[in-house]
Amino acid sequence: MKFFKFTKGDFFGGLTAGIVALPLALAFGVQSGLGAAAGLYGAIFLGFFAAIFGGTPSQISGPTGPMTVVSAATIAIFVGQSTDGNIAAVMGAIVASFVLSGIIQILMGVFKVGSLIKFIPYPVISGFMSGIGVIIILLQLFPAIGQASPKTTIDVVKEIVPALGNIDKFAILYAALTILIIYLFPKITKAVPSTLVALLAITVLSVVLGHQVPVIGDIPQGIPPLYIGELLTIDSKFYTLILEAGVTLAALGAIDSLLTSVVADNVTKTKHNSNKELIGQGIGNAVAGIFGGLPGAGATMRTLVNIRSGGRNRVSGVIHALVLIIVLLGAGKYAALIPKSVLAGILITVGIGILDYKGFRHINKVPKADAAIMVIVLLVTVFLDLLVAVAIGMVMASFLFMKKMSDITEENTKITEIGEIQIEKGWEDEEMPDYIQKNVLVKHLDGPLFFGFAAGFTEKVSTLKNVKFVIIRMKKVPFIDQTGLYALEDAILSLEQRGIEVLLTSLREQPKMQMEKINLIPGLISHDNIFESFRECVDWLKDKCPE
């Protein structure tokens, strides 16, 4: 483990990520129902241990929107089933579910479950993440107008209209100003995180104006308490709920973290270790849970902030945690003054950022089955259950894919039955002059481009070097779904950004139609770079490659 590899960029990356993480940790803690301190504890312990033991060196971990949504729902269920409706009475069950989620993630890493995450289809991920974004936004509408939020999204929808008759004008003003600063301040400078500027500026404004609005309140300072005793006195009626919550949080945290790891890979041009990442996340969540900290995952925005500030190694994640420890030890009395509507404004921008605009933009252009899966997963996520949403999406995607493959098989069979005997000769002759060959790499795509293809193809393309042209042979690709389409788009974009020109040969009707719908053709691949046959492509290259 090259833990002590350290650069100036790692210091500034960790410092900046810690500053960005502070308001988010406080906001997620308040949203969960456990209080702002729980968000800080989760960010500190998970951020520290995931950085040391995880498989993505540049990743910053902590409470995230999706994990907080599930944690808040879990806490609400435990409190609802307690005898006196008191969080303290069910703290043992809450902590047990958090610790169990970490243990399950460790086991997922040990048994190499991480490598299976790549088989989740894009429409399922898109609908799921957009659903999480909608949940975050809905649950912050009430705090933004100065009122306590209902526990479920359905209740928010039912009660929002009556609530609008009792708006606290100062609360909604603070929330609106917070959102404006977060979006507009980066146009002035990106040297200081806009989220932190909004948090400090509007909190000061609130203190100066002196109008009473709901605030965070006291944050415990010093070393957080251990909840070992509470774990030993859990009511047996909670055992099933603890198991369900632990599995849900572990699965969601794995998906959330590994998606962020993929983002980090794309930016840093590195390759994470998915199973090691799950072990690191599991250790962090288990330790955080013992101290009453919120469970979390790899945080995309904080990870990107770290990378863009120069962070590349594990020590940047440790520095991020140390920054939060300093805040916990010395600044709690000031954080207590932060209005909850300010945190609501911050979280609304988080929810907006999670929405998959690319998926929405192409909803009329991708295959209807993919669009239907995305919408159904989104709705089930928002109004029913997160894991049920993923399960429904996976089942639908699997059945629809099998149906499509069956249709293709029947189509090929019909051709044979009418007497047109097709003899598969493989790929036609690829001989080409040496002066062309040294500048060209040929990639053969054999079979449908669907959700199981994406990860491997993107990984192979990222390793290409010392070529000027890549010929992608599409003759044997009868079908492409949304995941395969975006994987192909990302791969082509990556090549074009490195100055490698992409050429397509023998493009079939369905893939071509889908590529045109999302403007991959001619947006990334011009019509001049698409050829009926491989031989035509080689002839075209004779004028492009110097002899």
Protein backbone atom coordinates (compact mmCIF):
# COMPACT_ATOMS: atom_id res chain seq x y z
CA MET A 1 0.00 0.00 0.00
CA LYS A 2 1.60 3.27 -1.12
CA PHE A 3 -0.17 5.23 1.58
CA PHE A 4 2.65 7.64 2.32
CA LYS A 5 2.89 8.79 -1.28
CA PHE A 6 2.10 12.46 -0.83
CA THR A 7 2.03 15.58 -2.97
CA LYS A 8 1.09 19.22 -2.48
CA GLY A 9 -1.99 18.48 -4.58
CA ASP A 10 -3.07 15.82 -2.07
CA PHE A 11 -2.91 18.38 0.74
CA PHE A 12 -4.95 20.99 -1.09
CA GLY A 13 -7.31 18.35 -2.48
CA GLY A 14 -8.04 16.95 0.97
CA LEU A 15 -8.35 20.44 2.49
CA THR A 16 -10.80 21.60 -0.17
CA ALA A 17 -12.80 18.38 -0.03
CA GLY A 18 -13.07 18.72 3.76
CA ILE A 19 -14.40 22.28 3.43
CA VAL A 20 -16.94 21.16 0.84
CA ALA A 21 -17.91 18.16 2.97
CA LEU A 22 -18.65 20.23 6.10
CA PRO A 23 -21.99 21.78 5.10
CA LEU A 24 -23.09 18.58 3.38
CA ALA A 25 -22.28 16.44 6.42
CA LEU A 26 -24.25 18.82 8.65
CA ALA A 27 -27.18 18.89 6.23
CA PHE A 28 -27.31 15.11 5.82
CA GLY A 29 -27.13 14.65 9.58
CA VAL A 30 -30.10 16.93 10.13
CA GLN A 31 -32.08 15.30 7.32
CA SER A 32 -31.51 11.83 8.79
CA GLY A 33 -33.15 12.77 12.08
CA LEU A 34 -30.07 11.93 14.17
CA GLY A 35 -28.75 15.50 14.17
CA ALA A 36 -25.89 17.36 12.52
CA ALA A 37 -23.26 15.63 14.66
CA ALA A 38 -24.16 12.23 13.19
CA GLY A 39 -23.37 13.56 9.74
CA LEU A 40 -19.98 14.81 10.93
CA TYR A 41 -19.17 11.51 12.67
CA GLY A 42 -20.04 9.58 9.52
CA ALA A 43 -17.94 11.84 7.30
CA ILE A 44 -14.94 11.62 9.65
CA PHE A 45 -14.83 7.88 10.30
CA LEU A 46 -15.95 6.69 6.86
CA GLY A 47 -13.76 9.26 5.12
CA PHE A 48 -10.72 8.17 7.13
CA PHE A 49 -11.04 4.38 6.95
CA ALA A 50 -12.29 4.19 3.36
CA ALA A 51 -9.29 6.28 2.29
CA ILE A 52 -6.86 3.92 4.03
CA PHE A 53 -8.42 0.56 3.11
CA GLY A 54 -10.40 1.34 -0.07
CA GLY A 55 -9.56 0.61 -3.68
CA THR A 56 -9.92 4.10 -5.19
CA PRO A 57 -7.02 6.29 -3.99
CA SER A 58 -8.56 9.63 -5.01
CA GLN A 59 -12.03 8.90 -3.63
CA ILE A 60 -13.57 10.97 -0.83
CA SER A 61 -16.23 9.14 1.17
CA GLY A 62 -18.92 10.29 3.56
CA PRO A 63 -22.70 10.58 3.93
CA THR A 64 -24.38 10.93 0.54
CA GLY A 65 -27.88 11.81 -0.62
CA PRO A 66 -28.97 8.25 -1.44
CA MET A 67 -27.57 6.79 1.77
CA THR A 68 -29.12 9.55 3.87
CA VAL A 69 -32.53 8.98 2.31
CA VAL A 70 -32.44 5.29 3.27
CA SER A 71 -30.98 6.05 6.71
CA ALA A 72 -33.72 8.58 7.43
CA ALA A 73 -36.41 6.10 6.36
CA THR A 74 -34.81 3.41 8.54
CA ILE A 75 -34.66 5.70 11.57
CA ALA A 76 -38.29 6.75 11.06
CA ILE A 77 -39.40 3.09 10.98
CA PHE A 78 -37.52 2.25 14.19
CA VAL A 79 -38.87 5.32 16.00
CA GLY A 80 -42.38 4.58 14.75
CA GLN A 81 -42.25 1.09 16.26
CA SER A 82 -40.75 2.17 19.59
CA THR A 83 -42.94 2.41 22.66
CA ASP A 84 -42.43 6.14 23.27
CA GLY A 85 -41.39 7.42 19.81
CA ASN A 86 -37.96 8.40 21.12
CA ILE A 87 -34.77 8.00 19.06
CA ALA A 88 -32.73 7.30 22.19
CA ALA A 89 -34.90 4.27 22.94
CA VAL A 90 -34.10 2.65 19.58
CA MET A 91 -30.54 3.90 19.15
CA GLY A 92 -29.20 0.37 19.59
CA ALA A 93 -31.28 -0.91 16.65
CA ILE A 94 -30.27 2.07 14.50
CA VAL A 95 -26.58 1.58 15.26
CA ALA A 96 -26.88 -2.19 14.66
CA SER A 97 -28.34 -1.62 11.18
CA PHE A 98 -25.52 0.81 10.32
CA VAL A 99 -22.79 -1.53 11.60
CA LEU A 100 -24.38 -4.52 9.86
CA SER A 101 -24.37 -2.65 6.54
CA GLY A 102 -20.62 -2.19 6.91
CA ILE A 103 -20.05 -5.85 7.74
CA ILE A 104 -22.11 -6.91 4.70
CA GLN A 105 -20.04 -4.60 2.48
CA ILE A 106 -16.84 -6.17 3.80
CA LEU A 107 -18.23 -9.62 2.93
CA MET A 108 -19.26 -8.35 -0.52
CA GLY A 109 -15.67 -7.31 -1.11
CA VAL A 110 -14.21 -10.56 0.25
CA PHE A 111 -16.49 -12.62 -2.00
CA LYS A 112 -15.77 -10.31 -4.99
CA VAL A 113 -19.31 -9.09 -5.50
CA GLY A 114 -17.97 -5.71 -6.58
CA SER A 115 -17.16 -6.93 -10.07
CA LEU A 116 -20.86 -7.76 -10.63
CA ILE A 117 -22.05 -4.15 -10.19
CA LYS A 118 -21.06 -3.37 -13.80
CA PHE A 119 -23.92 -5.56 -15.04
CA ILE A 120 -26.59 -3.16 -13.75
CA PRO A 121 -28.17 -1.60 -16.88
CA TYR A 122 -27.96 2.14 -17.43
CA PRO A 123 -31.76 2.73 -17.34
CA VAL A 124 -31.92 1.13 -13.88
CA ILE A 125 -29.08 3.30 -12.56
CA SER A 126 -30.54 6.38 -14.26
CA GLY A 127 -34.03 5.89 -12.83
CA PHE A 128 -32.67 5.01 -9.41
CA MET A 129 -30.33 8.00 -9.08
CA SER A 130 -32.92 10.43 -10.47
CA GLY A 131 -35.44 9.01 -8.01
CA ILE A 132 -33.01 9.69 -5.16
CA GLY A 133 -32.64 13.26 -6.42
CA VAL A 134 -36.42 13.73 -6.44
CA ILE A 135 -36.69 12.32 -2.90
CA ILE A 136 -34.05 14.73 -1.58
CA ILE A 137 -35.76 17.72 -3.21
CA LEU A 138 -39.23 16.76 -1.94
CA LEU A 139 -38.07 16.16 1.63
CA GLN A 140 -36.39 19.60 1.74
CA LEU A 141 -39.43 21.60 0.59
CA PHE A 142 -40.85 21.88 4.12
CA PRO A 143 -37.56 22.91 5.83
CA ALA A 144 -37.07 25.47 3.06
CA ILE A 145 -40.30 27.22 4.12
CA GLY A 146 -39.54 26.94 7.84
CA GLN A 147 -41.52 23.81 8.74
CA ALA A 148 -40.70 20.24 9.80
CA SER A 149 -40.83 17.82 6.89
CA PRO A 150 -43.15 14.78 6.79
CA LYS A 151 -41.27 11.49 6.87
CA THR A 152 -42.33 10.14 3.47
CA THR A 153 -42.49 11.57 -0.04
CA ILE A 154 -46.15 10.60 -0.34
CA ASP A 155 -46.96 12.67 2.77
CA VAL A 156 -44.96 15.59 1.35
CA VAL A 157 -47.05 15.54 -1.83
CA LYS A 158 -50.28 15.32 0.19
CA GLU A 159 -49.43 18.09 2.65
CA ILE A 160 -47.40 20.60 0.62
CA VAL A 161 -50.35 22.67 -0.63
CA PRO A 162 -51.79 23.37 2.87
CA ALA A 163 -48.27 24.08 4.12
CA LEU A 164 -47.80 26.84 1.56
CA GLY A 165 -50.32 28.92 3.52
CA ASN A 166 -47.91 29.08 6.48
CA ILE A 167 -44.58 30.03 4.91
CA ASP A 168 -41.88 31.63 7.04
CA LYS A 169 -40.71 34.43 4.73
CA PHE A 170 -37.24 34.59 6.26
CA ALA A 171 -36.73 30.82 5.99
CA ILE A 172 -37.64 30.72 2.31
CA LEU A 173 -35.50 33.84 1.73
CA TYR A 174 -32.47 32.10 3.29
CA ALA A 175 -33.08 28.93 1.25
CA ALA A 176 -33.45 30.90 -1.99
CA LEU A 177 -30.31 32.98 -1.36
CA THR A 178 -28.39 29.80 -0.51
CA ILE A 179 -29.35 28.22 -3.84
CA LEU A 180 -28.52 31.42 -5.76
CA ILE A 181 -25.06 31.68 -4.18
CA ILE A 182 -24.27 28.03 -4.83
CA TYR A 183 -25.06 28.41 -8.54
CA LEU A 184 -23.82 31.98 -9.15
CA PHE A 185 -20.69 32.30 -6.98
CA PRO A 186 -18.60 29.92 -9.19
CA LYS A 187 -19.06 32.46 -12.00
CA ILE A 188 -17.04 34.90 -9.87
CA THR A 189 -14.41 32.46 -8.61
CA LYS A 190 -14.00 28.74 -8.03
CA ALA A 191 -11.15 29.20 -5.57
CA VAL A 192 -13.59 28.95 -2.65
CA PRO A 193 -16.39 26.33 -2.62
CA SER A 194 -19.71 28.06 -3.26
CA THR A 195 -21.50 25.74 -0.82
CA LEU A 196 -19.27 26.96 2.02
CA VAL A 197 -19.73 30.61 0.98
CA ALA A 198 -23.51 30.16 1.03
CA LEU A 199 -23.42 28.44 4.42
CA LEU A 200 -21.31 31.17 6.07
CA ALA A 201 -22.89 34.18 4.35
CA ILE A 202 -26.53 33.28 4.99
CA THR A 203 -25.83 32.14 8.55
CA VAL A 204 -24.23 35.52 9.28
CA LEU A 205 -27.18 37.25 7.61
CA SER A 206 -29.57 35.27 9.78
CA VAL A 207 -27.72 36.26 12.96
CA VAL A 208 -27.63 39.93 11.93
CA LEU A 209 -31.34 40.06 11.06
CA GLY A 210 -32.21 38.27 14.27
CA HIS A 211 -35.44 36.73 13.02
CA GLN A 212 -36.22 33.43 14.71
CA VAL A 213 -36.05 30.53 12.25
CA PRO A 214 -35.39 26.83 12.97
CA VAL A 215 -31.64 26.25 13.43
CA ILE A 216 -29.41 23.19 13.82
CA GLY A 217 -28.97 23.67 17.55
CA ASP A 218 -26.20 22.40 19.79
CA ILE A 219 -23.63 20.05 18.27
CA PRO A 220 -21.73 17.81 20.71
CA GLN A 221 -18.02 18.59 20.78
CA GLY A 222 -15.12 16.30 21.50
CA ILE A 223 -14.82 12.55 21.02
CA PRO A 224 -18.20 10.97 20.06
CA PRO A 225 -19.70 8.34 22.36
CA LEU A 226 -19.50 4.61 21.69
CA TYR A 227 -22.79 2.74 21.43
CA ILE A 228 -21.55 -0.69 22.51
CA GLY A 229 -23.96 -0.88 25.44
CA GLU A 230 -26.97 -0.07 23.27
CA LEU A 231 -26.05 -2.91 20.91
CA LEU A 232 -26.42 -5.37 23.78
CA THR A 233 -29.96 -4.30 24.70
CA ILE A 234 -31.81 -4.39 21.37
CA ASP A 235 -35.44 -5.50 21.46
CA SER A 236 -35.82 -8.75 19.49
CA LYS A 237 -38.78 -7.30 17.56
CA PHE A 238 -36.28 -5.17 15.63
CA TYR A 239 -34.08 -8.04 14.40
CA THR A 240 -35.83 -8.44 11.03
CA LEU A 241 -35.88 -4.69 10.42
CA ILE A 242 -32.17 -4.44 11.27
CA LEU A 243 -31.36 -7.16 8.73
CA GLU A 244 -33.49 -5.52 6.02
CA ALA A 245 -31.98 -2.09 6.67
CA GLY A 246 -28.43 -3.48 6.75
CA VAL A 247 -28.84 -5.25 3.41
CA THR A 248 -30.47 -2.19 1.80
CA LEU A 249 -27.78 0.21 3.01
CA ALA A 250 -24.97 -2.18 2.03
CA ALA A 251 -26.31 -2.70 -1.49
CA LEU A 252 -27.01 0.98 -2.03
CA GLY A 253 -23.64 2.01 -0.62
CA ALA A 254 -21.88 -0.46 -2.91
CA ILE A 255 -23.63 0.89 -6.01
CA ASP A 256 -23.15 4.51 -4.95
CA SER A 257 -19.43 4.03 -4.17
CA LEU A 258 -18.53 2.05 -7.26
CA LEU A 259 -20.31 4.51 -9.56
CA THR A 260 -18.17 7.25 -8.02
CA SER A 261 -15.08 5.06 -8.45
CA VAL A 262 -15.84 4.80 -12.18
CA VAL A 263 -16.16 8.59 -12.37
CA ALA A 264 -12.81 8.96 -10.59
CA ASP A 265 -11.21 6.48 -13.03
CA ASN A 266 -12.46 8.47 -16.01
CA VAL A 267 -10.97 11.71 -14.68
CA THR A 268 -7.65 10.37 -13.37
CA LYS A 269 -7.17 7.73 -16.11
CA THR A 270 -6.60 5.07 -13.45
CA LYS A 271 -8.33 1.80 -12.56
CA HIS A 272 -9.92 1.20 -9.17
CA ASN A 273 -10.15 -2.12 -7.34
CA SER A 274 -13.90 -2.58 -6.83
CA ASN A 275 -13.72 -5.38 -4.26
CA LYS A 276 -11.07 -3.62 -2.20
CA GLU A 277 -13.20 -0.47 -2.35
CA LEU A 278 -16.13 -2.36 -0.86
CA ILE A 279 -13.94 -3.65 1.98
CA GLY A 280 -12.77 -0.09 2.73
CA GLN A 281 -16.31 1.27 2.61
CA GLY A 282 -17.48 -1.56 4.87
CA ILE A 283 -14.80 -0.93 7.49
CA GLY A 284 -15.59 2.79 7.45
CA ASN A 285 -19.34 2.31 7.79
CA ALA A 286 -18.98 -0.27 10.56
CA VAL A 287 -16.69 2.00 12.61
CA ALA A 288 -18.83 5.08 11.94
CA GLY A 289 -21.93 3.15 13.01
CA ILE A 290 -20.44 2.22 16.40
CA PHE A 291 -20.01 5.95 17.08
CA GLY A 292 -23.53 6.79 15.90
CA GLY A 293 -22.33 8.21 12.60
CA LEU A 294 -24.37 8.10 9.43
CA PRO A 295 -23.41 5.43 6.88
CA GLY A 296 -22.24 6.74 3.54
CA ALA A 297 -20.41 5.96 0.33
CA GLY A 298 -17.99 7.38 -2.17
CA ALA A 299 -19.20 10.96 -2.76
CA THR A 300 -19.02 12.03 -6.40
CA MET A 301 -18.92 15.79 -5.91
CA ARG A 302 -16.36 15.69 -3.09
CA THR A 303 -14.24 13.21 -5.03
CA LEU A 304 -14.21 15.47 -8.09
CA VAL A 305 -13.35 18.48 -5.92
CA ASN A 306 -10.43 16.52 -4.49
CA ILE A 307 -9.17 15.45 -7.92
CA ARG A 308 -9.54 18.92 -9.46
CA SER A 309 -7.61 20.40 -6.53
CA GLY A 310 -4.74 17.96 -7.14
CA GLY A 311 -5.65 15.02 -4.88
CA ARG A 312 -4.59 11.66 -6.28
CA ASN A 313 -3.54 9.56 -3.28
CA ARG A 314 -5.11 8.10 -0.14
CA VAL A 315 -3.66 10.75 2.12
CA SER A 316 -6.01 13.33 0.58
CA GLY A 317 -8.96 11.42 2.03
CA VAL A 318 -7.28 11.33 5.44
CA ILE A 319 -6.67 15.09 5.33
CA HIS A 320 -10.35 15.60 4.46
CA ALA A 321 -11.27 13.68 7.63
CA LEU A 322 -8.79 15.65 9.76
CA VAL A 323 -10.32 18.94 8.60
CA LEU A 324 -13.71 17.74 9.84
CA ILE A 325 -12.20 16.62 13.16
CA ILE A 326 -10.86 20.13 13.71
CA VAL A 327 -14.34 21.53 13.06
CA LEU A 328 -15.89 19.00 15.43
CA LEU A 329 -13.46 19.87 18.22
CA GLY A 330 -13.62 23.64 17.92
CA ALA A 331 -16.48 25.04 15.86
CA GLY A 332 -19.58 23.26 17.10
CA LYS A 333 -20.99 26.28 18.94
CA TYR A 334 -20.92 28.31 15.73
CA ALA A 335 -22.43 25.55 13.59
CA ALA A 336 -25.40 25.47 15.99
CA LEU A 337 -26.51 28.86 14.56
CA ILE A 338 -26.96 27.55 11.00
CA PRO A 339 -30.61 27.84 9.87
CA LYS A 340 -32.17 24.56 8.73
CA SER A 341 -33.51 26.37 5.65
CA VAL A 342 -29.90 27.04 4.59
CA LEU A 343 -29.16 23.32 4.80
CA ALA A 344 -32.39 22.69 2.88
CA GLY A 345 -31.15 25.00 0.12
CA ILE A 346 -27.84 23.11 -0.01
CA LEU A 347 -29.59 19.75 -0.22
CA ILE A 348 -31.98 20.93 -2.92
CA THR A 349 -28.95 21.71 -5.11
CA VAL A 350 -27.57 18.25 -4.25
CA GLY A 351 -30.84 16.66 -5.36
CA ILE A 352 -30.86 18.69 -8.57
CA GLY A 353 -27.29 17.58 -9.26
CA ILE A 354 -28.17 13.90 -8.84
CA LEU A 355 -30.90 14.00 -11.52
CA ASP A 356 -29.81 12.27 -14.74
CA TYR A 357 -30.42 15.01 -17.31
CA LYS A 358 -28.74 12.98 -20.03
CA GLY A 359 -31.25 10.17 -19.53
CA PHE A 360 -34.20 12.59 -19.52
CA ARG A 361 -32.93 14.39 -22.62
CA HIS A 362 -32.79 11.15 -24.59
CA ILE A 363 -35.97 9.58 -23.22
CA ASN A 364 -37.73 9.91 -26.60
CA LYS A 365 -34.68 8.75 -28.53
CA VAL A 366 -33.50 5.60 -26.77
CA PRO A 367 -35.39 2.30 -27.18
CA LYS A 368 -38.86 2.54 -25.64
CA ALA A 369 -38.16 -0.42 -23.36
CA ASP A 370 -35.14 1.38 -21.84
CA ALA A 371 -37.18 4.56 -21.35
CA ALA A 372 -39.98 2.58 -19.68
CA ILE A 373 -37.54 0.91 -17.29
CA MET A 374 -36.03 4.26 -16.31
CA VAL A 375 -39.42 5.86 -15.59
CA ILE A 376 -40.75 2.86 -13.65
CA VAL A 377 -37.59 2.60 -11.53
CA LEU A 378 -37.74 6.34 -10.83
CA LEU A 379 -41.37 6.22 -9.67
CA VAL A 380 -40.90 3.09 -7.53
CA THR A 381 -37.79 4.66 -5.96
CA VAL A 382 -39.63 7.87 -5.05
CA PHE A 383 -42.92 6.45 -3.83
CA LEU A 384 -42.25 2.85 -2.75
CA ASP A 385 -38.82 1.39 -1.97
CA LEU A 386 -35.27 1.78 -3.30
CA LEU A 387 -34.19 -1.86 -3.41
CA VAL A 388 -37.54 -2.93 -4.82
CA ALA A 389 -37.00 -0.35 -7.57
CA VAL A 390 -33.60 -1.81 -8.48
CA ALA A 391 -34.97 -5.37 -8.38
CA ILE A 392 -37.90 -4.47 -10.64
CA GLY A 393 -35.58 -2.70 -13.05
CA MET A 394 -33.16 -5.62 -13.23
CA VAL A 395 -35.94 -8.14 -13.83
CA MET A 396 -37.51 -5.96 -16.54
CA ALA A 397 -34.15 -5.36 -18.23
CA SER A 398 -33.32 -9.07 -18.21
CA PHE A 399 -36.65 -10.16 -19.65
CA LEU A 400 -36.68 -7.44 -22.30
CA PHE A 401 -33.15 -8.32 -23.33
CA MET A 402 -34.02 -12.01 -23.62
CA LYS A 403 -37.07 -11.06 -25.68
CA LYS A 404 -34.93 -8.96 -28.01
CA MET A 405 -32.37 -11.73 -28.44
CA SER A 406 -35.18 -14.19 -29.16
CA ASP A 407 -36.56 -11.86 -31.84
CA ILE A 408 -33.15 -11.56 -33.47
CA THR A 409 -32.69 -15.34 -33.43
CA GLU A 410 -36.12 -15.84 -35.02
CA GLU A 411 -35.29 -13.27 -37.69
CA ASN A 412 -32.07 -15.07 -38.62
CA THR A 413 -33.87 -18.42 -38.63
CA LYS A 414 -36.51 -17.12 -41.03
CA ILE A 415 -33.82 -16.07 -43.48
CA THR A 416 -32.39 -19.57 -43.50
CA GLU A 417 -35.82 -21.17 -43.94
CA ILE A 418 -36.57 -19.32 -47.18
CA GLY A 419 -33.51 -20.84 -48.76
CA GLU A 420 -30.88 -18.14 -48.34
CA ILE A 421 -28.22 -20.26 -46.68
CA GLN A 422 -25.82 -17.99 -44.79
CA ILE A 423 -22.31 -19.29 -44.26
CA GLU A 424 -20.42 -17.41 -41.57
CA LYS A 425 -16.99 -16.68 -42.96
CA GLY A 426 -15.93 -14.50 -40.06
CA TRP A 427 -14.33 -11.15 -40.65
CA GLU A 428 -13.22 -10.41 -44.19
CA ASP A 429 -9.56 -10.09 -45.02
CA GLU A 430 -7.92 -7.31 -43.07
CA GLU A 431 -4.69 -7.07 -44.98
CA MET A 432 -3.52 -3.54 -45.45
CA PRO A 433 -0.26 -1.83 -46.38
CA ASP A 434 2.30 -1.53 -43.58
CA TYR A 435 2.26 2.26 -43.66
CA ILE A 436 -1.48 2.18 -42.87
CA GLN A 437 -1.29 -0.68 -40.39
CA LYS A 438 1.18 1.10 -38.10
CA ASN A 439 -1.31 3.97 -37.68
CA VAL A 440 -4.47 1.90 -37.26
CA LEU A 441 -6.03 -0.36 -34.65
CA VAL A 442 -9.04 -2.52 -35.57
CA LYS A 443 -11.65 -3.35 -32.89
CA HIS A 444 -14.17 -6.12 -33.62
CA LEU A 445 -17.56 -5.93 -31.94
CA ASP A 446 -19.24 -9.30 -32.03
CA GLY A 447 -22.86 -9.47 -30.88
CA PRO A 448 -25.37 -7.09 -29.27
CA LEU A 449 -24.10 -4.05 -27.39
CA PHE A 450 -26.16 -4.30 -24.21
CA PHE A 451 -25.70 -3.58 -20.52
CA GLY A 452 -23.25 -6.45 -19.94
CA PHE A 453 -20.87 -5.21 -22.61
CA ALA A 454 -20.29 -1.64 -21.42
CA ALA A 455 -17.63 -1.96 -18.72
CA GLY A 456 -15.27 -4.27 -20.62
CA PHE A 457 -15.42 -2.25 -23.83
CA THR A 458 -14.73 1.07 -22.09
CA GLU A 459 -11.79 -0.48 -20.24
CA LYS A 460 -10.22 -1.88 -23.42
CA VAL A 461 -10.53 1.41 -25.29
CA SER A 462 -8.83 3.32 -22.47
CA THR A 463 -5.60 1.34 -23.01
CA LEU A 464 -5.11 2.25 -26.69
CA LYS A 465 -1.88 4.09 -27.50
CA ASN A 466 0.23 5.18 -30.46
CA VAL A 467 -2.47 5.00 -33.12
CA LYS A 468 -4.08 7.71 -35.24
CA PHE A 469 -7.19 5.79 -36.30
CA VAL A 470 -9.44 3.19 -34.69
CA ILE A 471 -11.68 1.14 -36.98
CA ILE A 472 -14.70 -0.25 -35.11
CA ARG A 473 -16.23 -3.09 -37.08
CA MET A 474 -19.99 -3.18 -36.51
CA LYS A 475 -21.03 -5.90 -38.94
CA LYS A 476 -21.96 -8.35 -36.18
CA VAL A 477 -23.78 -5.85 -33.97
CA PRO A 478 -27.52 -6.31 -34.64
CA PHE A 479 -28.75 -4.42 -31.58
CA ILE A 480 -27.64 -1.73 -29.13
CA ASP A 481 -29.46 -0.69 -25.95
CA GLN A 482 -29.11 2.52 -23.91
CA THR A 483 -26.22 1.29 -21.79
CA GLY A 484 -24.27 0.03 -24.79
CA LEU A 485 -25.05 3.26 -26.64
CA TYR A 486 -23.63 5.44 -23.89
CA ALA A 487 -20.63 3.16 -23.42
CA LEU A 488 -19.86 3.45 -27.14
CA GLU A 489 -20.35 7.22 -26.95
CA ASP A 490 -17.99 7.54 -23.96
CA ALA A 491 -15.37 5.36 -25.66
CA ILE A 492 -15.50 7.34 -28.90
CA LEU A 493 -15.37 10.64 -27.03
CA SER A 494 -12.35 9.43 -25.06
CA LEU A 495 -10.56 8.49 -28.28
CA GLU A 496 -11.44 11.74 -30.04
CA GLN A 497 -10.17 13.75 -27.05
CA ARG A 498 -6.82 11.96 -27.39
CA GLY A 499 -6.62 12.87 -31.08
CA ILE A 500 -7.59 9.40 -32.32
CA GLU A 501 -10.06 9.43 -35.21
CA VAL A 502 -12.80 6.78 -35.08
CA LEU A 503 -14.11 5.00 -38.19
CA LEU A 504 -17.13 2.67 -38.34
CA THR A 505 -17.67 -0.08 -40.89
CA SER A 506 -20.74 -2.14 -41.84
CA LEU A 507 -23.06 -0.31 -39.45
CA ARG A 508 -26.44 -2.04 -39.24
CA GLU A 509 -29.85 -0.38 -39.18
CA GLN A 510 -30.87 -0.50 -35.49
CA PRO A 511 -27.51 0.67 -34.07
CA LYS A 512 -27.27 3.41 -36.70
CA MET A 513 -30.77 4.66 -35.92
CA GLN A 514 -30.07 4.80 -32.17
CA MET A 515 -26.74 6.55 -32.71
CA GLU A 516 -28.42 9.18 -34.88
CA LYS A 517 -31.18 9.78 -32.32
CA ILE A 518 -28.74 10.91 -29.63
CA ASN A 519 -26.56 12.76 -32.18
CA LEU A 520 -23.63 10.41 -31.78
CA ILE A 521 -23.91 10.47 -35.57
CA PRO A 522 -22.98 13.04 -36.82
CA GLY A 523 -22.13 14.76 -33.51
CA LEU A 524 -19.07 12.59 -32.75
CA ILE A 525 -18.84 10.42 -35.87
CA SER A 526 -19.37 12.23 -39.15
CA HIS A 527 -21.05 10.45 -42.05
CA ASP A 528 -17.70 10.61 -43.88
CA ASN A 529 -16.24 8.28 -41.22
CA ILE A 530 -18.83 5.53 -41.77
CA PHE A 531 -18.14 2.94 -44.47
CA GLU A 532 -20.18 0.16 -46.03
CA SER A 533 -17.25 -2.27 -45.92
CA PHE A 534 -13.86 -2.66 -44.36
CA ARG A 535 -12.21 -2.49 -47.79
CA GLU A 536 -13.76 0.94 -48.48
CA CYS A 537 -12.39 2.15 -45.15
CA VAL A 538 -8.87 0.95 -46.01
CA ASP A 539 -9.04 2.68 -49.41
CA TRP A 540 -10.04 5.91 -47.66
CA LEU A 541 -7.08 5.59 -45.27
CA LYS A 542 -4.62 5.42 -48.18
CA ASP A 543 -4.96 9.17 -48.58
CA LYS A 544 -4.76 9.86 -44.85
CA CYS A 545 -1.69 7.89 -43.79
CA PRO A 546 1.78 8.98 -44.98
CA GLU A 547 3.77 6.24 -46.78
